[in-house]
Amino acid sequence: MTSGADLLPRGLLPGLTRRLSRSQLLQAVALLLPACWALGYLQPPLNHDAALILDVAGRWLDGARLYVDVIDINPPLVFLLAALPEMLARHFAAVDGPTAFVLMVLGLAGGALLLAHRVITLAGSGFGPVSRFLLPPLLAFLLLVYPDDMFGQREHIMLIASMPYLLAAVPRAGGQRLPDGLLWTIMAAAGIGFALKPHFLLALALVEVCLMALRRQPGLRDPALWWLAAGPALQGFLMIAVMPEYLAEIVPMAFRQYAEQGEAMWAVATGGLIGPVLAVSLPLAGIAVALRGLQLQRLVVLYVLGSAVAAVVQAKGWSYQSLPATAGCLLLVFSTLAGVIDRYLPRRTAAAGAPAIAGLLLLTCYFHGATLGLPFQPQRGFATSDTRRLLDVVQRHAFDGRVMIVSPGVLPHFPMVNYARVRLTGRFESMWLLQGIYGDCGRPAPYNPPARMSADERRIFDGLSADFAHDRPSLVIIDTDAGIPACGGPAFDYLEYFGRNSVFAATLDEYEEITAFGRYRIFQRTTGTDPEEL
């Protein structure tokens, strides 16, 4: 009987074992698990927020004006980044948008791990034996395994971009010069990642101020800093010169109507995500400051605190917003354990025991991940999910590829829209603006009369009606749960609310209800002329 080894060229396995030490083989195995894990993200569904951003980027590529024809509160750099996989999908018919997006994120994560490994290799004494063995597979866990259903969120992309940056900050703090190409690549990628949301820049600022203090010089003539500043500069250029509507209209509207939705900042800071991060990070900050040789840990503390504040000021309490803080906290915990062992064990003893010690730490890390719940729950339940059911309805009945969805949320119609490859009608992709306007009780009537509506409300009341009449999509999907408190009266009804607009009501007369499931009523156009024929 022929064994698997007999099928390989003679001498290959002995050659490999001679070239790779036992510790290198163990580290390769530790990296193989997250690499295999990453394949699960290629299965549907894509994260709903990532899918929405991908759809907005696609509408932008189709000629829609961002923040005018399609309105979202994300800054323009987010959509510029999402446009890359959307363009890839349009040039290769075998790859759809969600798959191209997942491949892009996996590519970014793989590139980040290669950059991180290169920094660890070149940093010399900046990392002890246990740390050098632990950090690559630990980062692979944080970038590929830990995000789970948050994969592809803006915070995940920021986390990917920031990890090589944090490692490169260690030799930078000690005055060691990394190769220019390597350092500039790391800094440019970090600048783009931190610039995706303005809240992220606090973590970047804390780390850079610390580095300037350690080096006792501003270092503004350092080319690396200019590469780092390129991302925020690009974001600012897009906001000011290319899409001025974002700062002039979208940001003020978001402050008026979106910022108040969610939890109080104090509740987020003391909640089940950020509360434990702060409780663990503050004592570890004391250890990092008290002990010499824990330079990485001091910088990670600043990163974690800055990321925690970013999650708090967003005042939502959503898990993905805490991802950089929670993942950074795990990096802080396990890198501190490795750093303390490197400090107190003789170097030769630490080097000999590094694979076993790092292996135990990694097992503990994976055990922590397992306590968070079974992985890939959206993927395992996709076949029976509302997203899948809605996808089936749309594929059967959206005869012209146009759909209007009136719902307060994003799930389940994202990523259904992406998989169905339909075009959405309406400049607002969800009704979050109405949630802000009608979020408080005390109003004299269930709905504001048109004459007393604010400019924000008229924007959605008239805008959605005009978009509906212009496109007259084949399907209209109405969510019966508006996510608005009833305040002791009747539930907020989208059909009643928009039906007071004569344009909306006249267009709706061309539709009949064909099905319903769960929260959703679905209408199909039965009369009228297709706008493409006009």
Protein backbone atom coordinates (compact mmCIF):
# COMPACT_ATOMS: atom_id res chain seq x y z
CA MET A 1 0.00 0.00 0.00
CA THR A 2 1.41 3.39 -1.00
CA SER A 3 1.59 6.02 1.74
CA GLY A 4 1.09 9.72 1.28
CA ALA A 5 4.79 10.30 1.89
CA ASP A 6 5.67 7.90 -0.99
CA LEU A 7 3.72 10.13 -3.38
CA LEU A 8 6.09 13.06 -2.67
CA PRO A 9 9.47 13.43 -4.37
CA ARG A 10 12.13 11.39 -2.62
CA GLY A 11 13.98 13.40 -0.03
CA LEU A 12 11.45 16.25 0.08
CA LEU A 13 10.23 15.69 3.65
CA PRO A 14 13.71 15.26 5.13
CA GLY A 15 14.75 18.38 3.25
CA LEU A 16 11.86 20.36 4.67
CA THR A 17 12.57 19.20 8.23
CA ARG A 18 16.20 20.14 7.84
CA ARG A 19 15.30 23.63 6.63
CA LEU A 20 12.59 24.27 9.22
CA SER A 21 13.20 23.92 12.92
CA ARG A 22 10.58 22.35 15.15
CA SER A 23 9.56 25.79 16.41
CA GLN A 24 9.09 27.05 12.85
CA LEU A 25 6.92 24.06 12.02
CA LEU A 26 4.81 24.66 15.12
CA GLN A 27 4.42 28.31 14.23
CA ALA A 28 3.38 27.34 10.70
CA VAL A 29 0.70 25.07 12.14
CA ALA A 30 -0.46 27.92 14.41
CA LEU A 31 -0.83 30.11 11.34
CA LEU A 32 -2.58 27.42 9.30
CA LEU A 33 -5.71 27.35 11.49
CA PRO A 34 -6.66 31.02 10.96
CA ALA A 35 -5.83 30.67 7.25
CA CYS A 36 -8.29 27.79 6.94
CA TRP A 37 -10.77 29.64 9.14
CA ALA A 38 -10.72 32.57 6.73
CA LEU A 39 -12.27 30.42 3.99
CA GLY A 40 -15.54 30.42 5.95
CA TYR A 41 -16.01 34.13 5.23
CA LEU A 42 -16.41 33.33 1.53
CA GLN A 43 -19.76 31.72 2.35
CA PRO A 44 -22.82 34.02 2.45
CA PRO A 45 -23.94 36.23 4.00
CA LEU A 46 -21.64 39.22 3.95
CA ASN A 47 -21.87 41.48 6.99
CA HIS A 48 -24.91 43.74 6.52
CA ASP A 49 -23.09 47.06 7.06
CA ALA A 50 -20.31 46.05 4.70
CA ALA A 51 -22.96 45.05 2.15
CA LEU A 52 -24.69 48.44 2.45
CA ILE A 53 -21.40 50.27 1.91
CA LEU A 54 -20.65 48.07 -1.08
CA ASP A 55 -24.08 48.87 -2.55
CA VAL A 56 -23.61 52.63 -2.06
CA ALA A 57 -20.21 52.39 -3.76
CA GLY A 58 -21.87 50.57 -6.66
CA ARG A 59 -24.54 53.25 -7.03
CA TRP A 60 -21.77 55.86 -6.96
CA LEU A 61 -19.96 54.04 -9.78
CA ASP A 62 -23.25 54.00 -11.70
CA GLY A 63 -23.32 57.79 -11.63
CA ALA A 64 -25.27 58.62 -8.46
CA ARG A 65 -23.91 61.59 -6.53
CA LEU A 66 -22.79 60.66 -3.04
CA TYR A 67 -24.66 62.56 -0.30
CA VAL A 68 -27.15 63.89 -2.87
CA ASP A 69 -28.67 61.00 -4.84
CA VAL A 70 -27.69 58.45 -2.21
CA ILE A 71 -27.37 59.55 1.41
CA ASP A 72 -25.28 57.88 4.10
CA ILE A 73 -23.37 59.20 7.08
CA ASN A 74 -20.11 57.32 6.37
CA PRO A 75 -17.22 59.54 5.18
CA PRO A 76 -16.28 59.37 1.49
CA LEU A 77 -13.03 57.41 1.97
CA VAL A 78 -15.12 54.43 3.13
CA PHE A 79 -16.91 54.32 -0.23
CA LEU A 80 -13.73 54.94 -2.19
CA LEU A 81 -12.24 51.83 -0.61
CA ALA A 82 -15.42 49.79 -1.21
CA ALA A 83 -15.47 50.85 -4.86
CA LEU A 84 -12.34 48.76 -5.52
CA PRO A 85 -13.94 45.30 -5.06
CA GLU A 86 -17.10 46.54 -6.78
CA MET A 87 -15.06 47.47 -9.85
CA LEU A 88 -13.28 44.10 -9.68
CA ALA A 89 -16.63 42.28 -9.66
CA ARG A 90 -17.80 44.24 -12.70
CA HIS A 91 -14.72 43.24 -14.69
CA PHE A 92 -14.86 39.56 -13.74
CA ALA A 93 -18.31 38.03 -14.18
CA ALA A 94 -17.36 34.95 -12.14
CA VAL A 95 -16.91 37.05 -8.99
CA ASP A 96 -19.80 38.94 -7.41
CA GLY A 97 -19.42 42.07 -5.29
CA PRO A 98 -19.63 40.41 -1.86
CA THR A 99 -17.05 37.78 -2.80
CA ALA A 100 -14.71 40.42 -4.22
CA PHE A 101 -15.10 42.42 -1.00
CA VAL A 102 -14.26 39.41 1.18
CA LEU A 103 -11.23 38.63 -0.98
CA MET A 104 -10.07 42.23 -0.64
CA VAL A 105 -10.34 42.14 3.16
CA LEU A 106 -8.57 38.77 3.31
CA GLY A 107 -5.85 40.17 1.08
CA LEU A 108 -5.45 43.17 3.37
CA ALA A 109 -5.23 40.89 6.40
CA GLY A 110 -2.67 38.65 4.70
CA GLY A 111 -0.60 41.66 3.70
CA ALA A 112 -0.75 43.02 7.23
CA LEU A 113 0.49 39.71 8.64
CA LEU A 114 3.40 39.67 6.19
CA LEU A 115 4.33 43.23 7.13
CA ALA A 116 4.07 42.40 10.84
CA HIS A 117 6.28 39.33 10.44
CA ARG A 118 8.87 41.41 8.59
CA VAL A 119 8.92 44.01 11.36
CA ILE A 120 9.34 41.34 14.06
CA THR A 121 12.19 39.77 12.07
CA LEU A 122 14.04 43.07 11.64
CA ALA A 123 13.38 44.56 15.07
CA GLY A 124 16.00 42.38 16.77
CA SER A 125 16.01 42.86 20.52
CA GLY A 126 12.73 44.81 20.39
CA PHE A 127 10.88 41.53 20.88
CA GLY A 128 11.91 38.66 23.16
CA PRO A 129 11.91 34.98 22.14
CA VAL A 130 8.42 34.19 23.42
CA SER A 131 7.00 37.39 21.93
CA ARG A 132 8.62 36.71 18.57
CA PHE A 133 7.01 33.26 18.47
CA LEU A 134 3.63 34.36 19.80
CA LEU A 135 2.89 37.58 17.93
CA PRO A 136 2.44 36.30 14.33
CA PRO A 137 -0.17 33.62 15.16
CA LEU A 138 -1.77 35.90 17.76
CA LEU A 139 -2.21 38.62 15.15
CA ALA A 140 -3.60 36.03 12.72
CA PHE A 141 -6.19 35.12 15.36
CA LEU A 142 -7.12 38.75 15.96
CA LEU A 143 -7.42 39.64 12.27
CA LEU A 144 -9.01 36.48 10.87
CA VAL A 145 -10.72 34.52 13.66
CA TYR A 146 -11.82 37.01 16.28
CA PRO A 147 -13.91 39.36 14.03
CA ASP A 148 -16.38 36.57 13.08
CA ASP A 149 -19.69 38.27 12.12
CA MET A 150 -17.96 41.68 12.26
CA PHE A 151 -15.74 40.70 9.32
CA GLY A 152 -15.47 43.56 6.83
CA GLN A 153 -16.72 46.29 9.14
CA ARG A 154 -14.84 49.58 9.03
CA GLU A 155 -13.46 48.82 12.48
CA HIS A 156 -12.14 45.49 11.19
CA ILE A 157 -10.32 47.21 8.33
CA MET A 158 -8.91 49.75 10.78
CA LEU A 159 -7.73 46.88 13.02
CA ILE A 160 -6.00 45.23 10.07
CA ALA A 161 -4.21 48.43 9.10
CA SER A 162 -3.17 49.28 12.65
CA MET A 163 -1.46 46.06 13.74
CA PRO A 164 1.73 46.40 11.62
CA TYR A 165 1.79 50.07 12.61
CA LEU A 166 1.85 49.20 16.32
CA LEU A 167 4.66 46.70 15.85
CA ALA A 168 6.66 49.16 13.75
CA ALA A 169 6.25 51.74 16.53
CA VAL A 170 8.54 49.64 18.76
CA PRO A 171 11.72 50.12 16.68
CA ARG A 172 10.63 53.68 15.91
CA ALA A 173 10.49 54.39 19.64
CA GLY A 174 14.01 53.03 20.08
CA GLY A 175 15.44 55.01 17.17
CA GLN A 176 15.92 51.91 15.02
CA ARG A 177 15.42 52.53 11.33
CA LEU A 178 13.36 50.07 9.33
CA PRO A 179 13.80 49.85 5.55
CA ASP A 180 12.12 52.84 3.94
CA GLY A 181 9.86 50.82 1.65
CA LEU A 182 8.61 48.66 4.51
CA LEU A 183 8.02 51.55 6.89
CA TRP A 184 6.35 53.78 4.34
CA THR A 185 4.00 50.99 3.26
CA ILE A 186 3.02 50.36 6.88
CA MET A 187 2.49 54.04 7.59
CA ALA A 188 0.45 54.69 4.43
CA ALA A 189 -1.83 51.72 5.13
CA ALA A 190 -2.26 52.80 8.75
CA GLY A 191 -3.11 56.34 7.68
CA ILE A 192 -5.93 55.08 5.45
CA GLY A 193 -7.23 52.71 8.13
CA PHE A 194 -7.27 55.32 10.89
CA ALA A 195 -8.88 57.89 8.55
CA LEU A 196 -11.95 55.74 7.78
CA LYS A 197 -13.76 57.27 10.75
CA PRO A 198 -12.77 60.48 12.55
CA HIS A 199 -13.07 58.70 15.91
CA PHE A 200 -10.18 56.40 15.00
CA LEU A 201 -7.70 59.26 14.82
CA LEU A 202 -7.59 59.58 18.61
CA ALA A 203 -5.77 56.24 18.96
CA LEU A 204 -3.33 57.30 16.25
CA ALA A 205 -2.71 60.66 17.92
CA LEU A 206 -2.03 59.09 21.33
CA VAL A 207 0.55 56.68 19.90
CA GLU A 208 2.30 59.35 17.83
CA VAL A 209 2.47 61.83 20.70
CA CYS A 210 4.01 59.10 22.85
CA LEU A 211 6.58 58.34 20.16
CA MET A 212 7.51 62.01 19.85
CA ALA A 213 7.95 62.23 23.62
CA LEU A 214 10.15 59.13 23.69
CA ARG A 215 12.31 60.40 20.85
CA ARG A 216 12.42 63.91 22.40
CA GLN A 217 11.93 65.56 19.03
CA PRO A 218 8.89 66.40 16.91
CA GLY A 219 10.18 64.43 13.92
CA LEU A 220 7.89 66.32 11.52
CA ARG A 221 10.56 66.07 8.81
CA ASP A 222 10.39 62.29 8.99
CA PRO A 223 8.99 61.05 5.62
CA ALA A 224 7.20 58.24 7.46
CA LEU A 225 4.91 60.78 9.13
CA TRP A 226 3.98 62.26 5.77
CA TRP A 227 3.05 58.82 4.51
CA LEU A 228 0.97 58.37 7.66
CA ALA A 229 -0.76 61.71 7.06
CA ALA A 230 -1.67 60.82 3.47
CA GLY A 231 -4.83 58.92 4.49
CA PRO A 232 -6.34 61.68 6.66
CA ALA A 233 -5.31 64.24 4.03
CA LEU A 234 -7.12 62.27 1.32
CA GLN A 235 -10.21 62.01 3.51
CA GLY A 236 -10.14 65.76 4.13
CA PHE A 237 -9.67 66.51 0.43
CA LEU A 238 -12.67 64.36 -0.50
CA MET A 239 -14.84 66.01 2.15
CA ILE A 240 -13.88 69.59 1.32
CA ALA A 241 -13.13 69.71 -2.40
CA VAL A 242 -14.87 66.74 -4.02
CA MET A 243 -18.00 66.13 -1.91
CA PRO A 244 -18.64 69.31 0.10
CA GLU A 245 -22.22 68.17 0.78
CA TYR A 246 -20.87 65.76 3.36
CA LEU A 247 -19.66 68.47 5.74
CA ALA A 248 -22.28 71.03 4.77
CA GLU A 249 -25.38 68.84 5.02
CA ILE A 250 -24.81 65.23 6.08
CA VAL A 251 -22.70 65.83 9.20
CA PRO A 252 -25.10 68.45 10.67
CA MET A 253 -28.08 66.20 9.89
CA ALA A 254 -26.33 63.24 11.52
CA PHE A 255 -25.70 65.28 14.67
CA ARG A 256 -29.34 66.37 14.77
CA GLN A 257 -31.00 63.02 14.11
CA TYR A 258 -28.52 60.12 14.33
CA ALA A 259 -26.22 60.95 17.21
CA GLU A 260 -29.05 60.72 19.76
CA GLN A 261 -30.04 57.20 18.73
CA GLY A 262 -28.47 54.45 20.82
CA GLU A 263 -27.14 54.45 24.37
CA ALA A 264 -25.70 57.11 26.64
CA MET A 265 -21.91 57.35 26.59
CA TRP A 266 -21.70 56.35 30.24
CA ALA A 267 -23.73 53.23 29.53
CA VAL A 268 -21.36 52.28 26.70
CA ALA A 269 -18.27 52.97 28.84
CA THR A 270 -19.52 50.74 31.65
CA GLY A 271 -21.26 48.14 29.48
CA GLY A 272 -20.31 44.57 28.74
CA LEU A 273 -17.82 45.45 26.00
CA ILE A 274 -15.88 48.56 26.94
CA GLY A 275 -16.23 48.13 30.71
CA PRO A 276 -14.09 44.94 30.83
CA VAL A 277 -11.61 46.47 28.38
CA LEU A 278 -11.01 49.40 30.72
CA ALA A 279 -10.95 47.18 33.81
CA VAL A 280 -8.22 45.02 32.29
CA SER A 281 -6.24 47.67 30.42
CA LEU A 282 -5.70 50.10 33.28
CA PRO A 283 -3.87 47.62 35.58
CA LEU A 284 -1.86 46.35 32.61
CA ALA A 285 -0.95 49.94 31.82
CA GLY A 286 0.60 50.19 35.28
CA ILE A 287 2.60 46.99 34.68
CA ALA A 288 3.78 48.22 31.26
CA VAL A 289 4.96 51.51 32.74
CA ALA A 290 6.58 49.94 35.81
CA LEU A 291 8.60 47.26 33.99
CA ARG A 292 11.36 47.99 31.53
CA GLY A 293 11.32 46.36 28.14
CA LEU A 294 7.54 46.46 27.58
CA GLN A 295 7.57 49.14 24.90
CA LEU A 296 4.99 47.44 22.70
CA GLN A 297 2.63 47.06 25.63
CA ARG A 298 2.83 50.76 26.49
CA LEU A 299 1.91 51.69 22.95
CA VAL A 300 -0.90 49.13 22.81
CA VAL A 301 -2.36 50.58 26.02
CA LEU A 302 -2.67 53.96 24.28
CA TYR A 303 -4.19 52.32 21.23
CA VAL A 304 -6.74 50.46 23.37
CA LEU A 305 -7.70 53.54 25.35
CA GLY A 306 -8.07 55.63 22.19
CA SER A 307 -10.16 52.90 20.55
CA ALA A 308 -12.32 52.58 23.68
CA VAL A 309 -13.02 56.31 23.67
CA ALA A 310 -13.89 56.07 19.96
CA ALA A 311 -16.49 53.41 20.78
CA VAL A 312 -17.86 55.44 23.68
CA VAL A 313 -18.29 58.72 21.79
CA GLN A 314 -20.28 56.96 19.07
CA ALA A 315 -22.82 56.24 21.85
CA LYS A 316 -24.37 53.16 20.25
CA GLY A 317 -22.97 50.20 22.18
CA TRP A 318 -22.76 48.05 19.04
CA SER A 319 -20.21 45.24 19.21
CA TYR A 320 -18.40 46.07 15.98
CA GLN A 321 -17.65 49.59 17.18
CA SER A 322 -15.74 48.06 20.10
CA LEU A 323 -13.75 45.64 17.93
CA PRO A 324 -10.45 47.60 17.88
CA ALA A 325 -10.65 48.08 21.66
CA THR A 326 -11.52 44.46 22.49
CA ALA A 327 -9.04 42.97 20.01
CA GLY A 328 -6.39 45.43 21.18
CA CYS A 329 -7.09 44.40 24.77
CA LEU A 330 -6.44 40.75 23.85
CA LEU A 331 -3.19 41.80 22.20
CA LEU A 332 -2.29 43.72 25.35
CA VAL A 333 -3.05 40.81 27.69
CA PHE A 334 -1.16 38.12 25.80
CA SER A 335 1.74 40.28 24.69
CA THR A 336 2.19 41.42 28.31
CA LEU A 337 2.30 37.81 29.51
CA ALA A 338 4.87 37.01 26.82
CA GLY A 339 6.84 40.17 27.58
CA VAL A 340 7.01 39.45 31.31
CA ILE A 341 8.21 35.90 30.62
CA ASP A 342 10.83 37.24 28.22
CA ARG A 343 11.97 39.70 30.88
CA TYR A 344 12.36 37.29 33.80
CA LEU A 345 13.44 34.06 32.12
CA PRO A 346 17.03 33.70 30.93
CA ARG A 347 17.09 34.33 27.22
CA ARG A 348 18.27 30.82 26.35
CA THR A 349 15.57 29.26 28.55
CA ALA A 350 12.91 31.53 27.06
CA ALA A 351 14.03 30.66 23.52
CA ALA A 352 13.89 26.93 24.26
CA GLY A 353 10.47 27.15 25.88
CA ALA A 354 8.96 29.73 23.48
CA PRO A 355 6.96 27.22 21.38
CA ALA A 356 5.37 25.57 24.43
CA ILE A 357 4.72 28.85 26.25
CA ALA A 358 3.31 30.57 23.16
CA GLY A 359 1.23 27.48 22.37
CA LEU A 360 -0.39 27.57 25.80
CA LEU A 361 -1.12 31.27 25.45
CA LEU A 362 -2.67 30.72 22.02
CA LEU A 363 -4.84 27.91 23.36
CA THR A 364 -6.06 30.27 26.06
CA CYS A 365 -6.77 32.89 23.41
CA TYR A 366 -8.77 30.45 21.28
CA PHE A 367 -10.63 29.27 24.36
CA HIS A 368 -11.66 32.88 25.03
CA GLY A 369 -12.89 33.12 21.44
CA ALA A 370 -14.88 29.92 21.87
CA THR A 371 -16.68 31.33 24.91
CA LEU A 372 -18.10 34.11 22.74
CA GLY A 373 -20.32 31.64 20.88
CA LEU A 374 -20.29 29.27 17.96
CA PRO A 375 -18.49 30.73 14.94
CA PHE A 376 -20.07 31.52 11.59
CA GLN A 377 -23.63 31.57 12.92
CA PRO A 378 -24.88 33.79 10.06
CA GLN A 379 -23.30 31.44 7.51
CA ARG A 380 -24.67 28.29 9.15
CA GLY A 381 -28.19 29.73 9.37
CA PHE A 382 -28.26 31.51 6.02
CA ALA A 383 -30.40 28.90 4.21
CA THR A 384 -33.35 29.50 6.56
CA SER A 385 -32.74 33.18 7.31
CA ASP A 386 -34.98 36.13 6.46
CA THR A 387 -32.24 37.33 4.10
CA ARG A 388 -32.49 34.10 2.12
CA ARG A 389 -36.32 34.18 2.11
CA LEU A 390 -36.34 37.78 0.96
CA LEU A 391 -33.77 36.95 -1.71
CA ASP A 392 -36.03 34.21 -3.09
CA VAL A 393 -38.99 36.61 -3.29
CA VAL A 394 -37.00 39.32 -5.00
CA GLN A 395 -35.43 36.95 -7.52
CA ARG A 396 -38.90 35.67 -8.47
CA HIS A 397 -40.81 38.95 -8.64
CA ALA A 398 -38.40 41.87 -9.29
CA PHE A 399 -38.94 41.66 -13.05
CA ASP A 400 -37.14 44.95 -13.83
CA GLY A 401 -34.37 44.62 -11.26
CA ARG A 402 -35.58 47.61 -9.23
CA VAL A 403 -36.71 47.39 -5.61
CA MET A 404 -37.73 49.95 -3.00
CA ILE A 405 -37.30 48.97 0.66
CA VAL A 406 -38.79 51.05 3.47
CA SER A 407 -37.30 49.83 6.74
CA PRO A 408 -35.57 51.32 9.78
CA GLY A 409 -32.70 48.85 9.71
CA VAL A 410 -30.16 47.34 7.40
CA LEU A 411 -30.72 43.62 7.99
CA PRO A 412 -32.07 41.50 6.29
CA HIS A 413 -32.32 43.49 3.06
CA PHE A 414 -28.56 43.83 3.12
CA PRO A 415 -26.84 41.77 1.83
CA MET A 416 -29.95 40.49 -0.03
CA VAL A 417 -29.70 43.48 -2.38
CA ASN A 418 -26.10 42.59 -3.24
CA TYR A 419 -26.80 38.93 -3.93
CA ALA A 420 -29.92 39.67 -5.99
CA ARG A 421 -28.01 42.35 -7.94
CA VAL A 422 -31.00 44.67 -7.91
CA ARG A 423 -31.00 48.46 -7.91
CA LEU A 424 -32.50 50.21 -4.91
CA THR A 425 -34.97 53.04 -5.30
CA GLY A 426 -34.66 55.89 -2.83
CA ARG A 427 -31.86 58.14 -1.73
CA PHE A 428 -32.08 56.83 1.86
CA GLU A 429 -31.13 53.17 2.22
CA SER A 430 -32.92 52.99 5.57
CA MET A 431 -35.35 55.14 7.54
CA TRP A 432 -32.91 56.09 10.32
CA LEU A 433 -33.77 59.75 9.79
CA LEU A 434 -37.40 59.14 10.80
CA GLN A 435 -36.22 57.26 13.87
CA GLY A 436 -34.35 60.37 14.95
CA ILE A 437 -37.24 62.71 14.22
CA TYR A 438 -39.87 60.57 15.98
CA GLY A 439 -37.67 59.01 18.63
CA ASP A 440 -39.13 60.97 21.54
CA CYS A 441 -42.67 60.90 22.86
CA GLY A 442 -44.65 64.04 23.59
CA ARG A 443 -45.60 64.95 20.02
CA PRO A 444 -49.20 66.17 19.66
CA ALA A 445 -50.06 63.85 16.73
CA PRO A 446 -48.72 60.53 15.45
CA TYR A 447 -47.28 62.26 12.37
CA ASN A 448 -46.21 65.85 11.80
CA PRO A 449 -48.35 67.62 9.21
CA PRO A 450 -46.31 68.56 6.11
CA ALA A 451 -46.58 72.27 6.88
CA ARG A 452 -44.86 71.75 10.25
CA MET A 453 -42.15 69.36 9.12
CA SER A 454 -38.52 70.29 9.60
CA ALA A 455 -36.16 70.47 6.63
CA ASP A 456 -34.78 67.06 7.58
CA GLU A 457 -38.23 65.48 7.58
CA ARG A 458 -39.27 67.10 4.32
CA ARG A 459 -36.10 65.73 2.80
CA ILE A 460 -37.17 62.16 3.36
CA PHE A 461 -40.95 62.71 3.09
CA ASP A 462 -40.75 64.39 -0.31
CA GLY A 463 -37.52 62.76 -1.45
CA LEU A 464 -38.66 59.16 -1.08
CA SER A 465 -42.00 59.97 -2.74
CA ALA A 466 -40.27 61.61 -5.70
CA ASP A 467 -37.81 58.72 -6.07
CA PHE A 468 -40.70 56.24 -5.93
CA ALA A 469 -42.64 58.05 -8.64
CA HIS A 470 -39.59 58.43 -10.86
CA ASP A 471 -38.31 54.84 -10.70
CA ARG A 472 -41.58 52.98 -10.08
CA PRO A 473 -39.71 49.80 -9.13
CA SER A 474 -41.22 46.38 -9.72
CA LEU A 475 -41.22 45.56 -5.99
CA VAL A 476 -41.87 47.59 -2.85
CA ILE A 477 -40.98 46.00 0.51
CA ILE A 478 -42.50 47.65 3.57
CA ASP A 479 -41.31 46.88 7.09
CA THR A 480 -44.25 46.93 9.51
CA ASP A 481 -41.90 47.59 12.45
CA ALA A 482 -40.67 51.16 12.06
CA GLY A 483 -38.46 51.03 15.13
CA ILE A 484 -40.26 54.10 16.51
CA PRO A 485 -41.93 54.14 19.95
CA ALA A 486 -45.74 54.15 19.79
CA CYS A 487 -45.94 56.46 22.83
CA GLY A 488 -49.32 55.05 23.84
CA GLY A 489 -50.88 55.54 20.43
CA PRO A 490 -51.00 53.50 17.23
CA ALA A 491 -47.78 52.04 15.85
CA PHE A 492 -45.90 54.14 13.32
CA ASP A 493 -47.03 52.93 9.88
CA TYR A 494 -44.89 53.76 6.85
CA LEU A 495 -47.79 53.37 4.42
CA GLU A 496 -49.95 55.78 6.42
CA TYR A 497 -47.08 58.20 6.88
CA PHE A 498 -45.94 58.42 3.26
CA GLY A 499 -49.50 57.91 1.99
CA ARG A 500 -50.22 61.50 3.06
CA ASN A 501 -47.94 62.55 0.19
CA SER A 502 -50.07 62.70 -2.96
CA VAL A 503 -47.15 61.70 -5.19
CA PHE A 504 -46.45 58.59 -3.10
CA ALA A 505 -50.14 57.67 -2.83
CA ALA A 506 -50.75 57.99 -6.58
CA THR A 507 -47.75 55.80 -7.37
CA LEU A 508 -48.73 53.17 -4.80
CA ASP A 509 -52.08 52.77 -6.59
CA GLU A 510 -50.16 50.96 -9.34
CA TYR A 511 -49.17 48.19 -6.92
CA GLU A 512 -50.85 45.27 -5.25
CA GLU A 513 -49.72 43.24 -2.26
CA ILE A 514 -48.48 39.82 -3.38
CA THR A 515 -47.09 38.28 -0.21
CA ALA A 516 -46.02 38.90 3.36
CA PHE A 517 -43.80 37.17 5.88
CA GLY A 518 -42.62 38.19 9.29
CA ARG A 519 -42.43 41.96 9.47
CA TYR A 520 -42.57 42.53 5.72
CA ARG A 521 -45.37 43.36 3.29
CA ILE A 522 -44.37 43.04 -0.35
CA PHE A 523 -46.08 44.86 -3.22
CA GLN A 524 -45.59 44.37 -6.96
CA ARG A 525 -46.24 46.90 -9.71
CA THR A 526 -49.10 45.81 -11.92
CA THR A 527 -49.84 48.91 -14.06
CA GLY A 528 -48.14 51.93 -15.51
CA THR A 529 -45.35 52.52 -17.99
CA ASP A 530 -41.81 51.42 -17.36
CA PRO A 531 -39.75 54.61 -16.88
CA GLU A 532 -37.07 53.15 -19.19
CA GLU A 533 -39.58 53.42 -22.05
CA LEU A 534 -40.18 57.14 -21.54
